[in-house]
């Protein structure tokens, strides 16, 4: 990766887009976290652990993880 260039992760990009869409619709961090948790959306940490073959952390979003 070159400095100043972003690389989009195709596996996590839909979650990021959903978070932004929910925030733009007026949802706060608590509501967004609750919706993602209800839909069992894996956190980035869970996705990266799965890729590395490590045990999955709890699949839960906390409001402090959703910063709008």
C-alpha atoms as a PDB file:
ATOM      1  CA  UNK A   1       0.000   0.000   0.000  1.00  0.00           C
ATOM      2  CA  UNK A   2       1.340   3.387  -0.954  1.00  0.00           C
ATOM      3  CA  UNK A   3       1.121   6.178   1.551  1.00  0.00           C
ATOM      4  CA  UNK A   4      -2.026   8.235   1.067  1.00  0.00           C
ATOM      5  CA  UNK A   5      -3.887   5.558  -0.894  1.00  0.00           C
ATOM      6  CA  UNK A   6      -6.860   3.674   0.485  1.00  0.00           C
ATOM      7  CA  UNK A   7      -7.560   0.065  -0.368  1.00  0.00           C
ATOM      8  CA  UNK A   8     -11.210  -0.964  -0.230  1.00  0.00           C
ATOM      9  CA  UNK A   9     -11.843  -4.302   1.437  1.00  0.00           C
ATOM     10  CA  UNK A  10     -14.657  -5.899  -0.594  1.00  0.00           C
ATOM     11  CA  UNK A  11     -15.785  -8.046   2.337  1.00  0.00           C
ATOM     12  CA  UNK A  12     -16.210  -5.191   4.827  1.00  0.00           C
ATOM     13  CA  UNK A  13     -17.181  -2.401   2.402  1.00  0.00           C
ATOM     14  CA  UNK A  14     -20.922  -3.239   2.459  1.00  0.00           C
ATOM     15  CA  UNK A  15     -20.958  -2.952   6.265  1.00  0.00           C
ATOM     16  CA  UNK A  16     -19.191   0.408   6.152  1.00  0.00           C
ATOM     17  CA  UNK A  17     -21.645   1.644   3.512  1.00  0.00           C
ATOM     18  CA  UNK A  18     -24.576   0.446   5.606  1.00  0.00           C
ATOM     19  CA  UNK A  19     -23.267   2.282   8.677  1.00  0.00           C
ATOM     20  CA  UNK A  20     -22.927   5.514   6.692  1.00  0.00           C
ATOM     21  CA  UNK A  21     -26.385   5.071   5.146  1.00  0.00           C
ATOM     22  CA  UNK A  22     -27.938   4.488   8.577  1.00  0.00           C
ATOM     23  CA  UNK A  23     -26.147   7.543   9.982  1.00  0.00           C
ATOM     24  CA  UNK A  24     -27.296   9.701   7.071  1.00  0.00           C
ATOM     25  CA  UNK A  25     -30.850   8.511   7.719  1.00  0.00           C
ATOM     26  CA  UNK A  26     -30.589  10.014  11.205  1.00  0.00           C
ATOM     27  CA  UNK A  27     -29.700   6.947  13.268  1.00  0.00           C
ATOM     28  CA  UNK A  28     -27.258   7.404  16.117  1.00  0.00           C
ATOM     29  CA  UNK A  29     -24.444   5.066  17.145  1.00  0.00           C
ATOM     30  CA  UNK A  30     -26.594   3.156  19.664  1.00  0.00           C
ATOM     31  CA  UNK A  31     -29.354   2.464  17.126  1.00  0.00           C
ATOM     32  CA  UNK A  32     -26.851   1.497  14.413  1.00  0.00           C
ATOM     33  CA  UNK A  33     -25.025  -0.862  16.784  1.00  0.00           C
ATOM     34  CA  UNK A  34     -28.327  -2.460  17.821  1.00  0.00           C
ATOM     35  CA  UNK A  35     -29.420  -2.959  14.196  1.00  0.00           C
ATOM     36  CA  UNK A  36     -26.099  -4.511  13.190  1.00  0.00           C
ATOM     37  CA  UNK A  37     -26.098  -6.772  16.227  1.00  0.00           C
ATOM     38  CA  UNK A  38     -29.718  -7.814  15.607  1.00  0.00           C
ATOM     39  CA  UNK A  39     -28.813  -8.747  12.024  1.00  0.00           C
ATOM     40  CA  UNK A  40     -25.709 -10.593  13.295  1.00  0.00           C
ATOM     41  CA  UNK A  41     -23.375  -8.532  11.141  1.00  0.00           C
ATOM     42  CA  UNK A  42     -19.815  -9.551  12.000  1.00  0.00           C
ATOM     43  CA  UNK A  43     -17.454  -6.877  13.241  1.00  0.00           C
ATOM     44  CA  UNK A  44     -14.276  -6.137  11.295  1.00  0.00           C
ATOM     45  CA  UNK A  45     -12.329  -7.868  14.077  1.00  0.00           C
ATOM     46  CA  UNK A  46     -14.426 -11.021  13.591  1.00  0.00           C
ATOM     47  CA  UNK A  47     -13.891 -10.954   9.820  1.00  0.00           C
ATOM     48  CA  UNK A  48     -10.123 -10.541  10.187  1.00  0.00           C
ATOM     49  CA  UNK A  49      -9.946 -13.329  12.813  1.00  0.00           C
ATOM     50  CA  UNK A  50     -11.843 -15.644  10.454  1.00  0.00           C
ATOM     51  CA  UNK A  51      -9.410 -14.866   7.628  1.00  0.00           C
ATOM     52  CA  UNK A  52      -6.468 -15.774   9.850  1.00  0.00           C
ATOM     53  CA  UNK A  53      -8.125 -18.955  11.117  1.00  0.00           C
ATOM     54  CA  UNK A  54      -8.276 -17.631  14.674  1.00  0.00           C
ATOM     55  CA  UNK A  55     -11.180 -18.046  17.102  1.00  0.00           C
ATOM     56  CA  UNK A  56     -13.979 -15.616  16.402  1.00  0.00           C
ATOM     57  CA  UNK A  57     -14.616 -12.897  18.964  1.00  0.00           C
ATOM     58  CA  UNK A  58     -18.234 -12.214  19.964  1.00  0.00           C
ATOM     59  CA  UNK A  59     -20.197 -10.915  16.973  1.00  0.00           C
ATOM     60  CA  UNK A  60     -21.468  -7.800  18.617  1.00  0.00           C
ATOM     61  CA  UNK A  61     -21.301  -4.127  17.858  1.00  0.00           C
ATOM     62  CA  UNK A  62     -20.966  -1.653  20.683  1.00  0.00           C
ATOM     63  CA  UNK A  63     -21.986   1.988  20.246  1.00  0.00           C
ATOM     64  CA  UNK A  64     -18.384   3.143  20.731  1.00  0.00           C
ATOM     65  CA  UNK A  65     -17.408   1.048  17.695  1.00  0.00           C
ATOM     66  CA  UNK A  66     -19.902   2.934  15.530  1.00  0.00           C
ATOM     67  CA  UNK A  67     -18.572   6.457  15.247  1.00  0.00           C
ATOM     68  CA  UNK A  68     -20.554   8.699  12.949  1.00  0.00           C
END
